[in-house]
Amino acid sequence: MPWSTREVADLAGTTVNTVRHYHRIGLLDEPVRMSNGYKQYQVAHLVRLLQIRRLRDLGVPLDQIEQVGFGTDSPADALRAIDADLASSIERLQRARAEVRAILDGSSVTGVPAGFENVAAKLTKPEQSLMLIYNQLYDDRAMSDLRQMAEVDPDAVDEEFENLAPDADEPTRIRLAEHFGPVFAKLFVEYPWLVTPGAHLTKGSHVVRETIDESVRVTYNAAQLEVMARAGVIALELAKEHND
């Protein structure tokens, strides 16, 4: 018993438009037409539609269905590529689920990059914002190092820096710089790319430098920026002495 386009589409669990699309791209042969112009789909058409749907359910792209499902050659290579794509998708979805669960458990926030959920509570709001920006500028290795750095528990001096007033007096600025200088130096020694990050950039060095400079400038006040600049000078000198 022949079927109309709508009938065969219903039987295959798809739509008339989809059937017509398969005709256009050559996946499904056109059936013969009756004298009145209506198409007459046969069992072979229904089976073909069901095979296509099965492969689509497995994630096979339309442009690979002929090769995987109906080609005369072995589809092993195409299937391996599809399997790799599925594995990548599963990994991405698992990471997303882990992040959602962490947020629901109250152990994370949405303002940090993926992978930073467990250290988010140790980061200040400005640091969280900067990590989101860094994630667009540095590669995975660099971000992994930044995550390790963030695992250190903040101390009282960190809190003092966070609350530093823009008009903080000179002795306070010097004291904080002298505190952070050795801390930064230790990081420069352990993670040399912090000083020469070129190999870990995902954008052009000029774009990265301008983006970081502007982001830091609007994130911290004048006193905090001065403390970081002074600490950076101290850190570079100490790191050079260590390397020499």
C-alpha atoms as a PDB file:
ATOM      1  CA  MET A   1       0.000   0.000   0.000  1.00  0.00           C
ATOM      2  CA  PRO A   2       1.608   3.291  -1.056  1.00  0.00           C
ATOM      3  CA  TRP A   3       1.676   6.274   1.299  1.00  0.00           C
ATOM      4  CA  SER A   4       1.432  10.014   0.759  1.00  0.00           C
ATOM      5  CA  THR A   5       4.198  12.339   1.911  1.00  0.00           C
ATOM      6  CA  ARG A   6       2.331  13.195   5.094  1.00  0.00           C
ATOM      7  CA  GLU A   7       1.543   9.562   5.822  1.00  0.00           C
ATOM      8  CA  VAL A   8       5.096   8.320   5.390  1.00  0.00           C
ATOM      9  CA  ALA A   9       6.378  11.242   7.443  1.00  0.00           C
ATOM     10  CA  ASP A  10       3.980  10.349  10.272  1.00  0.00           C
ATOM     11  CA  LEU A  11       5.013   6.694  10.135  1.00  0.00           C
ATOM     12  CA  ALA A  12       8.698   7.656  10.306  1.00  0.00           C
ATOM     13  CA  GLY A  13       8.133  10.103  13.149  1.00  0.00           C
ATOM     14  CA  THR A  14       9.290  13.094  11.174  1.00  0.00           C
ATOM     15  CA  THR A  15       7.758  15.990   9.242  1.00  0.00           C
ATOM     16  CA  VAL A  16       6.751  16.631   5.651  1.00  0.00           C
ATOM     17  CA  ASN A  17       9.312  19.426   5.415  1.00  0.00           C
ATOM     18  CA  THR A  18      12.046  17.073   6.599  1.00  0.00           C
ATOM     19  CA  VAL A  19      11.107  14.471   3.998  1.00  0.00           C
ATOM     20  CA  ARG A  20      11.225  17.127   1.295  1.00  0.00           C
ATOM     21  CA  HIS A  21      14.587  18.328   2.569  1.00  0.00           C
ATOM     22  CA  TYR A  22      15.988  14.788   2.309  1.00  0.00           C
ATOM     23  CA  HIS A  23      14.820  14.719  -1.304  1.00  0.00           C
ATOM     24  CA  ARG A  24      16.578  18.025  -2.029  1.00  0.00           C
ATOM     25  CA  ILE A  25      19.940  16.898  -0.604  1.00  0.00           C
ATOM     26  CA  GLY A  26      19.780  13.464  -2.215  1.00  0.00           C
ATOM     27  CA  LEU A  27      19.365  11.330   0.895  1.00  0.00           C
ATOM     28  CA  LEU A  28      15.943  10.044  -0.107  1.00  0.00           C
ATOM     29  CA  ASP A  29      14.951   9.071  -3.634  1.00  0.00           C
ATOM     30  CA  GLU A  30      11.850  10.676  -5.085  1.00  0.00           C
ATOM     31  CA  PRO A  31       8.960   8.188  -5.323  1.00  0.00           C
ATOM     32  CA  VAL A  32       6.867   7.688  -8.431  1.00  0.00           C
ATOM     33  CA  ARG A  33       3.836   9.900  -8.813  1.00  0.00           C
ATOM     34  CA  MET A  34       0.289   8.921  -9.570  1.00  0.00           C
ATOM     35  CA  SER A  35      -1.553  10.434 -12.514  1.00  0.00           C
ATOM     36  CA  ASN A  36      -2.888  13.165 -10.249  1.00  0.00           C
ATOM     37  CA  GLY A  37       0.665  14.159  -9.299  1.00  0.00           C
ATOM     38  CA  TYR A  38       0.633  12.777  -5.754  1.00  0.00           C
ATOM     39  CA  LYS A  39       3.715  10.882  -4.615  1.00  0.00           C
ATOM     40  CA  GLN A  40       3.495   7.199  -3.747  1.00  0.00           C
ATOM     41  CA  TYR A  41       5.948   6.191  -1.037  1.00  0.00           C
ATOM     42  CA  GLN A  42       6.789   2.513  -0.677  1.00  0.00           C
ATOM     43  CA  VAL A  43       8.189   0.370   2.138  1.00  0.00           C
ATOM     44  CA  ALA A  44      11.729   1.023   0.892  1.00  0.00           C
ATOM     45  CA  HIS A  45      11.204   4.776   1.394  1.00  0.00           C
ATOM     46  CA  LEU A  46       9.890   4.220   4.916  1.00  0.00           C
ATOM     47  CA  VAL A  47      12.842   2.000   5.812  1.00  0.00           C
ATOM     48  CA  ARG A  48      15.258   4.596   4.412  1.00  0.00           C
ATOM     49  CA  LEU A  49      13.601   7.336   6.470  1.00  0.00           C
ATOM     50  CA  LEU A  50      13.820   5.214   9.615  1.00  0.00           C
ATOM     51  CA  GLN A  51      17.497   4.498   8.936  1.00  0.00           C
ATOM     52  CA  ILE A  52      18.193   8.211   8.510  1.00  0.00           C
ATOM     53  CA  ARG A  53      16.331   9.021  11.710  1.00  0.00           C
ATOM     54  CA  ARG A  54      18.275   6.333  13.580  1.00  0.00           C
ATOM     55  CA  LEU A  55      21.591   7.790  12.440  1.00  0.00           C
ATOM     56  CA  ARG A  56      20.460  11.324  13.262  1.00  0.00           C
ATOM     57  CA  ASP A  57      19.537  10.143  16.766  1.00  0.00           C
ATOM     58  CA  LEU A  58      23.109   8.864  17.094  1.00  0.00           C
ATOM     59  CA  GLY A  59      24.421  12.315  16.244  1.00  0.00           C
ATOM     60  CA  VAL A  60      25.539  11.609  12.684  1.00  0.00           C
ATOM     61  CA  PRO A  61      25.554  14.863  10.650  1.00  0.00           C
ATOM     62  CA  LEU A  62      23.398  14.854   7.534  1.00  0.00           C
ATOM     63  CA  ASP A  63      26.403  15.249   5.251  1.00  0.00           C
ATOM     64  CA  GLN A  64      27.919  12.035   6.660  1.00  0.00           C
ATOM     65  CA  ILE A  65      24.836   9.836   6.707  1.00  0.00           C
ATOM     66  CA  GLU A  66      25.414   8.453   3.214  1.00  0.00           C
ATOM     67  CA  GLN A  67      28.966   7.490   4.101  1.00  0.00           C
ATOM     68  CA  VAL A  68      28.140   5.998   7.493  1.00  0.00           C
ATOM     69  CA  GLY A  69      24.834   4.324   6.823  1.00  0.00           C
ATOM     70  CA  PHE A  70      24.565   3.567   3.123  1.00  0.00           C
ATOM     71  CA  GLY A  71      28.042   3.739   1.626  1.00  0.00           C
ATOM     72  CA  THR A  72      29.729   0.681   0.215  1.00  0.00           C
ATOM     73  CA  ASP A  73      33.048   1.380   1.963  1.00  0.00           C
ATOM     74  CA  SER A  74      33.725   0.744   5.643  1.00  0.00           C
ATOM     75  CA  PRO A  75      32.281   3.571   7.746  1.00  0.00           C
ATOM     76  CA  ALA A  76      34.789   2.945  10.559  1.00  0.00           C
ATOM     77  CA  ASP A  77      36.741   6.201  10.166  1.00  0.00           C
ATOM     78  CA  ALA A  78      33.600   8.314   9.999  1.00  0.00           C
ATOM     79  CA  LEU A  79      32.143   6.519  13.004  1.00  0.00           C
ATOM     80  CA  ARG A  80      35.350   7.047  14.991  1.00  0.00           C
ATOM     81  CA  ALA A  81      35.191  10.773  14.269  1.00  0.00           C
ATOM     82  CA  ILE A  82      31.549  10.865  15.348  1.00  0.00           C
ATOM     83  CA  ASP A  83      32.402   8.895  18.486  1.00  0.00           C
ATOM     84  CA  ALA A  84      35.121  11.426  19.321  1.00  0.00           C
ATOM     85  CA  ASP A  85      32.662  14.285  18.839  1.00  0.00           C
ATOM     86  CA  LEU A  86      30.137  12.565  21.095  1.00  0.00           C
ATOM     87  CA  ALA A  87      32.782  11.979  23.760  1.00  0.00           C
ATOM     88  CA  SER A  88      33.700  15.667  23.634  1.00  0.00           C
ATOM     89  CA  SER A  89      30.040  16.663  23.948  1.00  0.00           C
ATOM     90  CA  ILE A  90      29.541  14.315  26.893  1.00  0.00           C
ATOM     91  CA  GLU A  91      32.598  15.748  28.646  1.00  0.00           C
ATOM     92  CA  ARG A  92      31.335  19.292  28.097  1.00  0.00           C
ATOM     93  CA  LEU A  93      27.880  18.414  29.427  1.00  0.00           C
ATOM     94  CA  GLN A  94      29.384  16.660  32.455  1.00  0.00           C
ATOM     95  CA  ARG A  95      31.407  19.760  33.270  1.00  0.00           C
ATOM     96  CA  ALA A  96      28.292  21.882  32.892  1.00  0.00           C
ATOM     97  CA  ARG A  97      26.347  19.560  35.224  1.00  0.00           C
ATOM     98  CA  ALA A  98      29.146  19.711  37.801  1.00  0.00           C
ATOM     99  CA  GLU A  99      29.091  23.507  37.690  1.00  0.00           C
ATOM    100  CA  VAL A 100      25.303  23.623  38.046  1.00  0.00           C
ATOM    101  CA  ARG A 101      25.420  21.220  40.999  1.00  0.00           C
ATOM    102  CA  ALA A 102      28.125  23.312  42.646  1.00  0.00           C
ATOM    103  CA  ILE A 103      26.036  26.435  42.247  1.00  0.00           C
ATOM    104  CA  LEU A 104      22.962  24.686  43.660  1.00  0.00           C
ATOM    105  CA  ASP A 105      25.028  23.440  46.602  1.00  0.00           C
ATOM    106  CA  GLY A 106      26.065  26.994  47.335  1.00  0.00           C
ATOM    107  CA  SER A 107      29.750  26.237  46.800  1.00  0.00           C
ATOM    108  CA  SER A 108      30.157  28.251  43.644  1.00  0.00           C
ATOM    109  CA  VAL A 109      29.169  31.401  41.839  1.00  0.00           C
ATOM    110  CA  THR A 110      28.499  32.111  38.211  1.00  0.00           C
ATOM    111  CA  GLY A 111      31.067  34.908  38.117  1.00  0.00           C
ATOM    112  CA  VAL A 112      34.128  32.691  37.646  1.00  0.00           C
ATOM    113  CA  PRO A 113      35.401  30.632  34.706  1.00  0.00           C
ATOM    114  CA  ALA A 114      34.714  26.916  34.475  1.00  0.00           C
ATOM    115  CA  GLY A 115      37.027  25.016  36.801  1.00  0.00           C
ATOM    116  CA  PHE A 116      37.233  27.821  39.364  1.00  0.00           C
ATOM    117  CA  GLU A 117      34.094  26.792  41.281  1.00  0.00           C
ATOM    118  CA  ASN A 118      35.987  25.380  44.266  1.00  0.00           C
ATOM    119  CA  VAL A 119      38.184  28.462  44.710  1.00  0.00           C
ATOM    120  CA  ALA A 120      35.554  31.107  43.988  1.00  0.00           C
ATOM    121  CA  ALA A 121      34.978  31.785  47.687  1.00  0.00           C
ATOM    122  CA  LYS A 122      38.654  32.666  48.123  1.00  0.00           C
ATOM    123  CA  LEU A 123      38.560  35.269  45.374  1.00  0.00           C
ATOM    124  CA  THR A 124      37.366  38.810  45.876  1.00  0.00           C
ATOM    125  CA  LYS A 125      34.740  40.165  43.509  1.00  0.00           C
ATOM    126  CA  PRO A 126      37.369  42.109  41.533  1.00  0.00           C
ATOM    127  CA  GLU A 127      39.523  38.966  41.284  1.00  0.00           C
ATOM    128  CA  GLN A 128      36.555  36.957  40.041  1.00  0.00           C
ATOM    129  CA  SER A 129      35.892  39.519  37.337  1.00  0.00           C
ATOM    130  CA  LEU A 130      39.544  39.525  36.300  1.00  0.00           C
ATOM    131  CA  MET A 131      39.590  35.716  36.114  1.00  0.00           C
ATOM    132  CA  LEU A 132      36.696  35.831  33.657  1.00  0.00           C
ATOM    133  CA  ILE A 133      38.702  38.237  31.515  1.00  0.00           C
ATOM    134  CA  TYR A 134      41.939  36.249  31.858  1.00  0.00           C
ATOM    135  CA  ASN A 135      40.074  33.164  30.688  1.00  0.00           C
ATOM    136  CA  GLN A 136      39.593  34.891  27.327  1.00  0.00           C
ATOM    137  CA  LEU A 137      43.256  35.842  27.061  1.00  0.00           C
ATOM    138  CA  TYR A 138      45.257  32.885  28.395  1.00  0.00           C
ATOM    139  CA  ASP A 139      45.367  29.207  27.439  1.00  0.00           C
ATOM    140  CA  ASP A 140      44.232  26.293  29.595  1.00  0.00           C
ATOM    141  CA  ARG A 141      47.696  25.734  31.110  1.00  0.00           C
ATOM    142  CA  ALA A 142      47.924  29.316  32.301  1.00  0.00           C
ATOM    143  CA  MET A 143      44.389  29.221  33.712  1.00  0.00           C
ATOM    144  CA  SER A 144      45.244  26.011  35.563  1.00  0.00           C
ATOM    145  CA  ASP A 145      48.202  27.804  37.154  1.00  0.00           C
ATOM    146  CA  LEU A 146      46.004  30.763  38.114  1.00  0.00           C
ATOM    147  CA  ARG A 147      43.557  28.339  39.706  1.00  0.00           C
ATOM    148  CA  GLN A 148      46.391  26.867  41.787  1.00  0.00           C
ATOM    149  CA  MET A 149      47.438  30.353  42.875  1.00  0.00           C
ATOM    150  CA  ALA A 150      43.868  31.080  43.955  1.00  0.00           C
ATOM    151  CA  GLU A 151      43.817  28.038  46.228  1.00  0.00           C
ATOM    152  CA  VAL A 152      45.951  29.875  48.814  1.00  0.00           C
ATOM    153  CA  ASP A 153      43.794  31.133  51.663  1.00  0.00           C
ATOM    154  CA  PRO A 154      43.660  34.940  51.881  1.00  0.00           C
ATOM    155  CA  ASP A 155      45.195  36.551  54.970  1.00  0.00           C
ATOM    156  CA  ALA A 156      44.614  39.765  56.883  1.00  0.00           C
ATOM    157  CA  VAL A 157      46.914  41.736  54.581  1.00  0.00           C
ATOM    158  CA  ASP A 158      44.890  40.623  51.562  1.00  0.00           C
ATOM    159  CA  GLU A 159      41.780  41.956  53.244  1.00  0.00           C
ATOM    160  CA  GLU A 160      43.561  45.186  54.095  1.00  0.00           C
ATOM    161  CA  PHE A 161      44.540  45.631  50.454  1.00  0.00           C
ATOM    162  CA  GLU A 162      40.990  44.925  49.315  1.00  0.00           C
ATOM    163  CA  ASN A 163      39.680  47.648  51.625  1.00  0.00           C
ATOM    164  CA  LEU A 164      42.518  50.104  50.971  1.00  0.00           C
ATOM    165  CA  ALA A 165      41.180  53.635  50.569  1.00  0.00           C
ATOM    166  CA  PRO A 166      42.177  55.656  47.495  1.00  0.00           C
ATOM    167  CA  ASP A 167      43.798  58.264  49.764  1.00  0.00           C
ATOM    168  CA  ALA A 168      45.710  55.756  51.917  1.00  0.00           C
ATOM    169  CA  ASP A 169      48.856  57.292  53.383  1.00  0.00           C
ATOM    170  CA  GLU A 170      52.316  56.688  51.977  1.00  0.00           C
ATOM    171  CA  PRO A 171      53.612  54.468  54.827  1.00  0.00           C
ATOM    172  CA  THR A 172      50.645  52.145  54.397  1.00  0.00           C
ATOM    173  CA  ARG A 173      51.227  51.865  50.664  1.00  0.00           C
ATOM    174  CA  ILE A 174      54.920  51.136  51.161  1.00  0.00           C
ATOM    175  CA  ARG A 175      54.211  48.540  53.865  1.00  0.00           C
ATOM    176  CA  LEU A 176      51.715  46.688  51.686  1.00  0.00           C
ATOM    177  CA  ALA A 177      54.042  46.795  48.673  1.00  0.00           C
ATOM    178  CA  GLU A 178      56.881  45.384  50.748  1.00  0.00           C
ATOM    179  CA  HIS A 179      54.567  42.614  51.931  1.00  0.00           C
ATOM    180  CA  PHE A 180      53.338  41.635  48.472  1.00  0.00           C
ATOM    181  CA  GLY A 181      56.729  41.997  46.743  1.00  0.00           C
ATOM    182  CA  PRO A 182      58.152  38.677  48.056  1.00  0.00           C
ATOM    183  CA  VAL A 183      54.770  37.003  47.515  1.00  0.00           C
ATOM    184  CA  PHE A 184      54.753  38.043  43.856  1.00  0.00           C
ATOM    185  CA  ALA A 185      58.436  37.080  43.505  1.00  0.00           C
ATOM    186  CA  LYS A 186      57.690  33.558  44.663  1.00  0.00           C
ATOM    187  CA  LEU A 187      54.960  33.310  42.028  1.00  0.00           C
ATOM    188  CA  PHE A 188      57.290  34.679  39.336  1.00  0.00           C
ATOM    189  CA  VAL A 189      59.800  31.957  40.174  1.00  0.00           C
ATOM    190  CA  GLU A 190      57.233  29.151  40.311  1.00  0.00           C
ATOM    191  CA  TYR A 191      55.336  30.369  37.240  1.00  0.00           C
ATOM    192  CA  PRO A 192      57.849  32.116  34.939  1.00  0.00           C
ATOM    193  CA  TRP A 193      55.193  32.717  32.302  1.00  0.00           C
ATOM    194  CA  LEU A 194      53.743  35.448  34.544  1.00  0.00           C
ATOM    195  CA  VAL A 195      56.739  37.559  33.517  1.00  0.00           C
ATOM    196  CA  THR A 196      56.911  36.394  29.894  1.00  0.00           C
ATOM    197  CA  PRO A 197      53.404  35.129  29.048  1.00  0.00           C
ATOM    198  CA  GLY A 198      53.761  35.067  25.265  1.00  0.00           C
ATOM    199  CA  ALA A 199      53.496  31.293  24.831  1.00  0.00           C
ATOM    200  CA  HIS A 200      50.254  31.165  26.820  1.00  0.00           C
ATOM    201  CA  LEU A 201      48.312  33.939  25.082  1.00  0.00           C
ATOM    202  CA  THR A 202      45.222  33.175  23.006  1.00  0.00           C
ATOM    203  CA  LYS A 203      45.055  36.704  21.605  1.00  0.00           C
ATOM    204  CA  GLY A 204      47.672  39.057  20.208  1.00  0.00           C
ATOM    205  CA  SER A 205      50.111  40.381  22.809  1.00  0.00           C
ATOM    206  CA  HIS A 206      49.066  43.983  22.138  1.00  0.00           C
ATOM    207  CA  VAL A 207      45.386  43.136  22.671  1.00  0.00           C
ATOM    208  CA  VAL A 208      46.171  41.191  25.843  1.00  0.00           C
ATOM    209  CA  ARG A 209      48.299  43.958  27.311  1.00  0.00           C
ATOM    210  CA  GLU A 210      45.742  46.670  26.589  1.00  0.00           C
ATOM    211  CA  THR A 211      42.853  44.559  27.886  1.00  0.00           C
ATOM    212  CA  ILE A 212      44.608  43.672  31.131  1.00  0.00           C
ATOM    213  CA  ASP A 213      45.873  47.194  31.707  1.00  0.00           C
ATOM    214  CA  GLU A 214      42.403  48.668  31.230  1.00  0.00           C
ATOM    215  CA  SER A 215      40.691  45.954  33.290  1.00  0.00           C
ATOM    216  CA  VAL A 216      43.068  46.381  36.208  1.00  0.00           C
ATOM    217  CA  ARG A 217      42.876  50.178  35.974  1.00  0.00           C
ATOM    218  CA  VAL A 218      39.093  50.261  36.358  1.00  0.00           C
ATOM    219  CA  THR A 219      39.021  47.451  38.942  1.00  0.00           C
ATOM    220  CA  TYR A 220      41.360  48.952  41.545  1.00  0.00           C
ATOM    221  CA  ASN A 221      41.716  52.444  42.969  1.00  0.00           C
ATOM    222  CA  ALA A 222      44.805  54.646  42.760  1.00  0.00           C
ATOM    223  CA  ALA A 223      46.319  53.476  46.042  1.00  0.00           C
ATOM    224  CA  GLN A 224      45.843  49.800  45.186  1.00  0.00           C
ATOM    225  CA  LEU A 225      47.364  50.315  41.740  1.00  0.00           C
ATOM    226  CA  GLU A 226      50.389  52.012  43.296  1.00  0.00           C
ATOM    227  CA  VAL A 227      50.840  49.171  45.781  1.00  0.00           C
ATOM    228  CA  MET A 228      50.730  46.596  42.979  1.00  0.00           C
ATOM    229  CA  ALA A 229      53.171  48.575  40.838  1.00  0.00           C
ATOM    230  CA  ARG A 230      55.655  48.914  43.701  1.00  0.00           C
ATOM    231  CA  ALA A 231      55.234  45.269  44.663  1.00  0.00           C
ATOM    232  CA  GLY A 232      55.830  44.289  41.043  1.00  0.00           C
ATOM    233  CA  VAL A 233      59.143  46.141  40.945  1.00  0.00           C
ATOM    234  CA  ILE A 234      60.262  44.504  44.182  1.00  0.00           C
ATOM    235  CA  ALA A 235      59.128  41.089  42.930  1.00  0.00           C
ATOM    236  CA  LEU A 236      61.033  41.345  39.656  1.00  0.00           C
ATOM    237  CA  GLU A 237      64.239  42.264  41.493  1.00  0.00           C
ATOM    238  CA  LEU A 238      63.849  39.402  43.965  1.00  0.00           C
ATOM    239  CA  ALA A 239      62.992  36.916  41.223  1.00  0.00           C
ATOM    240  CA  LYS A 240      66.054  38.018  39.212  1.00  0.00           C
ATOM    241  CA  GLU A 241      68.280  37.564  42.271  1.00  0.00           C
ATOM    242  CA  HIS A 242      66.825  34.092  42.790  1.00  0.00           C
ATOM    243  CA  ASN A 243      67.375  33.070  39.175  1.00  0.00           C
ATOM    244  CA  ASP A 244      70.919  34.478  39.152  1.00  0.00           C
END
